[in-house]
Amino acid sequence: MTIASTATPDADDELASLVPARSRARAIVITLVVILGLAAVWLVPLALRPTLIDVFSPRGTMSEYVATDEVLTVIDLDPRAWPAATLTAVDDVAGARVVDVWLLPSSTHVILDDEPIDDPVVVLQRLYPDDGVQPGGNLPQSFTSGDSLELAILWEVTDCAALETDEGPVATLRTAMGTLVSDPLQGSAAGPAWPAPGGLTEVCPS
């Protein structure tokens, strides 16, 4: 017995139109969504929680000036921020207060003369001859990921007994959205008690 099909070409076309087809446009949209999602995972933390020192990066430091009751420390930074953030302040630590702060481009430091320099600003002007260092610090200063920067802090030691060698200051950063976040510089050697022991003999004689 022969069974004849009653389907018409128009009916076949109509059924085919009901089957979803993969399109190049859909594939492109899906790819873009995935890329944007991955970018957001990487960028959002940098926008919400910028930092001056990436925890996985080496941290160099030096003490360029120690005299009377003042200490000038300079540390290398490895900033992370998107699209940018602003350093607005650095807090005091136990036993010392912040006098001035400078955020400066990394420099190939010259060797200072052996003769003592009584002015920490003059020290910075010789270390950063092209950056117009002036008294009073230069905050606020903006930065972004990949910037090659150094942080110079002039400290006034107020209580030698209260100083802790492993205590770093806390920086205040303003995100691109205007919110303020605290960025602890613990262990960065930015504090006035570095180097220890014996680094503060002029300020805190034993």
Protein backbone atom coordinates (compact mmCIF):
# COMPACT_ATOMS: atom_id res chain seq x y z
CA MET A 1 0.00 0.00 0.00
CA THR A 2 1.36 3.36 -0.95
CA ILE A 3 1.03 6.32 1.44
CA ALA A 4 1.22 9.68 -0.21
CA SER A 5 2.56 12.70 1.67
CA THR A 6 0.17 15.57 1.99
CA ALA A 7 2.82 18.08 3.09
CA THR A 8 3.26 21.05 0.80
CA PRO A 9 6.50 22.96 0.14
CA ASP A 10 5.05 25.98 1.95
CA ALA A 11 4.39 23.87 5.05
CA ASP A 12 7.96 22.56 5.03
CA ASP A 13 9.33 26.09 4.85
CA GLU A 14 7.08 27.16 7.72
CA LEU A 15 8.30 24.31 9.92
CA ALA A 16 11.91 25.09 9.10
CA SER A 17 11.42 28.68 10.16
CA LEU A 18 10.39 27.50 13.62
CA VAL A 19 13.74 25.76 14.21
CA PRO A 20 16.24 28.21 15.83
CA ALA A 21 19.33 28.69 13.71
CA ARG A 22 22.77 29.74 14.93
CA SER A 23 23.71 33.01 13.41
CA ARG A 24 27.00 34.85 13.15
CA ALA A 25 25.46 37.85 14.91
CA ARG A 26 24.41 35.71 17.87
CA ALA A 27 27.89 34.20 18.12
CA ILE A 28 29.46 37.67 18.07
CA VAL A 29 27.11 38.90 20.80
CA ILE A 30 27.89 35.89 23.01
CA THR A 31 31.62 36.41 22.49
CA LEU A 32 31.35 40.10 23.39
CA VAL A 33 29.37 39.29 26.53
CA VAL A 34 32.03 36.82 27.64
CA ILE A 35 34.83 39.31 26.95
CA LEU A 36 33.03 42.10 28.81
CA GLY A 37 32.35 39.76 31.72
CA LEU A 38 36.01 38.82 32.01
CA ALA A 39 37.04 42.47 31.73
CA ALA A 40 34.61 43.42 34.50
CA VAL A 41 36.02 40.72 36.78
CA TRP A 42 39.48 42.27 36.34
CA LEU A 43 38.58 45.97 36.27
CA VAL A 44 35.88 46.30 38.92
CA PRO A 45 38.20 45.48 41.85
CA LEU A 46 40.71 48.04 40.52
CA ALA A 47 37.96 50.65 40.35
CA LEU A 48 36.57 49.89 43.81
CA ARG A 49 39.81 49.03 45.65
CA PRO A 50 42.83 50.76 44.14
CA THR A 51 46.18 50.31 45.86
CA LEU A 52 49.60 51.90 45.84
CA ILE A 53 51.48 48.66 46.43
CA ASP A 54 50.46 45.39 44.84
CA VAL A 55 50.94 42.65 47.43
CA PHE A 56 52.73 40.41 44.92
CA SER A 57 55.33 43.00 43.97
CA PRO A 58 58.77 43.65 45.47
CA ARG A 59 59.05 46.69 47.70
CA GLY A 60 62.17 48.78 47.74
CA THR A 61 62.82 51.48 50.27
CA MET A 62 65.46 53.90 51.45
CA SER A 63 65.91 56.43 54.19
CA GLU A 64 67.45 59.50 52.61
CA TYR A 65 67.42 61.95 55.46
CA VAL A 66 67.58 61.47 59.21
CA ALA A 67 68.27 64.50 61.41
CA THR A 68 67.04 66.16 64.58
CA ASP A 69 63.51 64.78 65.00
CA GLU A 70 62.70 64.19 61.31
CA VAL A 71 62.98 61.18 59.02
CA LEU A 72 62.47 61.14 55.24
CA THR A 73 61.55 57.75 53.78
CA VAL A 74 61.18 56.92 50.08
CA ILE A 75 59.57 53.72 48.81
CA ASP A 76 58.95 52.19 45.41
CA LEU A 77 55.31 51.76 44.43
CA ASP A 78 53.48 49.35 42.17
CA PRO A 79 50.07 51.03 41.84
CA ARG A 80 46.87 49.36 40.73
CA ALA A 81 43.84 51.46 39.77
CA TRP A 82 41.26 51.76 37.00
CA PRO A 83 40.81 54.03 35.26
CA ALA A 84 42.69 56.09 37.86
CA ALA A 85 42.73 56.94 41.56
CA THR A 86 44.04 59.82 43.65
CA LEU A 87 46.30 59.78 46.69
CA THR A 88 44.84 62.37 49.05
CA ALA A 89 46.60 61.76 52.39
CA VAL A 90 48.83 59.51 54.48
CA ASP A 91 47.96 58.96 58.13
CA ASP A 92 50.21 59.31 61.15
CA VAL A 93 51.58 56.23 62.94
CA ALA A 94 52.24 55.56 66.58
CA GLY A 95 55.19 57.68 67.64
CA ALA A 96 55.37 59.87 64.53
CA ARG A 97 53.28 62.28 62.52
CA VAL A 98 53.31 62.98 58.81
CA VAL A 99 54.74 66.38 57.94
CA ASP A 100 54.65 66.27 54.14
CA VAL A 101 54.05 63.71 51.39
CA TRP A 102 55.22 63.69 47.77
CA LEU A 103 54.09 61.25 45.06
CA LEU A 104 56.85 61.38 42.46
CA PRO A 105 57.89 59.64 39.23
CA SER A 106 60.50 56.96 39.76
CA SER A 107 63.97 58.36 39.41
CA THR A 108 67.48 57.06 38.92
CA HIS A 109 68.73 58.45 42.18
CA VAL A 110 71.96 60.37 42.20
CA ILE A 111 74.49 59.77 44.94
CA LEU A 112 74.26 62.62 47.37
CA ASP A 113 77.35 64.45 48.57
CA ASP A 114 78.84 63.40 51.85
CA GLU A 115 78.21 66.82 53.31
CA PRO A 116 75.10 66.88 55.52
CA ILE A 117 71.97 68.51 54.15
CA ASP A 118 69.82 70.20 56.75
CA ASP A 119 66.70 70.49 54.57
CA PRO A 120 64.76 67.37 53.48
CA VAL A 121 63.21 69.30 50.60
CA VAL A 122 66.70 69.99 49.26
CA VAL A 123 67.39 66.25 49.50
CA LEU A 124 64.32 65.53 47.35
CA GLN A 125 65.20 68.30 44.91
CA ARG A 126 68.57 66.67 44.34
CA LEU A 127 67.04 63.20 44.04
CA TYR A 128 64.31 64.41 41.66
CA PRO A 129 65.89 67.37 39.85
CA ASP A 130 63.31 67.42 37.05
CA ASP A 131 60.13 67.21 39.13
CA GLY A 132 59.96 70.63 40.76
CA VAL A 133 59.79 69.39 44.35
CA GLN A 134 58.52 72.13 46.66
CA PRO A 135 57.94 72.35 50.42
CA GLY A 136 54.54 71.28 51.66
CA GLY A 137 54.22 68.07 49.65
CA ASN A 138 52.30 67.71 46.40
CA LEU A 139 49.08 65.90 47.31
CA PRO A 140 46.55 65.21 45.91
CA GLN A 141 48.11 63.29 43.03
CA SER A 142 46.43 60.86 40.64
CA PHE A 143 47.83 57.55 39.43
CA THR A 144 46.83 54.51 37.42
CA SER A 145 48.01 50.94 36.91
CA GLY A 146 51.49 50.68 35.48
CA ASP A 147 52.72 54.09 36.63
CA SER A 148 56.31 54.05 37.83
CA LEU A 149 56.12 55.99 41.08
CA GLU A 150 57.81 56.54 44.41
CA LEU A 151 56.34 57.82 47.65
CA ALA A 152 58.37 60.19 49.81
CA ILE A 153 57.16 60.86 53.35
CA LEU A 154 58.67 63.35 55.78
CA TRP A 155 58.03 62.23 59.36
CA GLU A 156 58.34 64.03 62.66
CA VAL A 157 59.15 61.56 65.42
CA THR A 158 57.16 62.42 68.54
CA ASP A 159 57.68 59.35 70.75
CA CYS A 160 60.60 57.01 70.19
CA ALA A 161 59.22 54.42 72.60
CA ALA A 162 55.98 54.13 70.61
CA LEU A 163 57.63 53.50 67.23
CA GLU A 164 57.19 50.03 65.76
CA THR A 165 59.59 48.89 63.07
CA ASP A 166 57.02 46.84 61.18
CA GLU A 167 54.22 49.41 61.23
CA GLY A 168 53.50 51.18 57.98
CA PRO A 169 51.09 54.08 57.48
CA VAL A 170 47.63 54.00 55.93
CA ALA A 171 47.08 55.97 52.73
CA THR A 172 43.73 57.47 51.76
CA LEU A 173 42.80 57.02 48.10
CA ARG A 174 39.92 58.53 46.15
CA THR A 175 38.50 56.24 43.49
CA ALA A 176 37.34 57.36 40.06
CA MET A 177 33.79 57.24 41.44
CA GLY A 178 34.65 59.67 44.22
CA THR A 179 34.62 57.22 47.13
CA LEU A 180 37.44 57.20 49.69
CA VAL A 181 39.22 53.95 50.56
CA SER A 182 41.98 53.15 53.03
CA ASP A 183 45.11 51.51 51.63
CA PRO A 184 47.32 50.05 54.39
CA LEU A 185 51.01 50.17 53.54
CA GLN A 186 51.81 47.58 56.22
CA GLY A 187 55.19 46.00 55.76
CA SER A 188 56.13 48.46 53.01
CA ALA A 189 58.84 50.08 55.15
CA ALA A 190 57.23 53.46 54.57
CA GLY A 191 57.07 54.06 58.31
CA PRO A 192 59.60 56.24 60.13
CA ALA A 193 61.13 53.36 62.13
CA TRP A 194 62.87 51.88 59.09
CA PRO A 195 65.67 50.82 59.01
CA ALA A 196 65.96 49.02 62.29
CA PRO A 197 67.73 48.58 64.53
CA GLY A 198 70.00 51.62 64.72
CA GLY A 199 68.54 53.54 61.82
CA LEU A 200 67.16 56.28 64.03
CA THR A 201 70.14 56.80 66.30
CA GLU A 202 70.20 60.52 65.51
CA VAL A 203 66.53 60.89 66.36
CA CYS A 204 66.14 58.21 69.02
CA PRO A 205 69.55 57.61 70.62
CA SER A 206 69.69 54.40 72.62
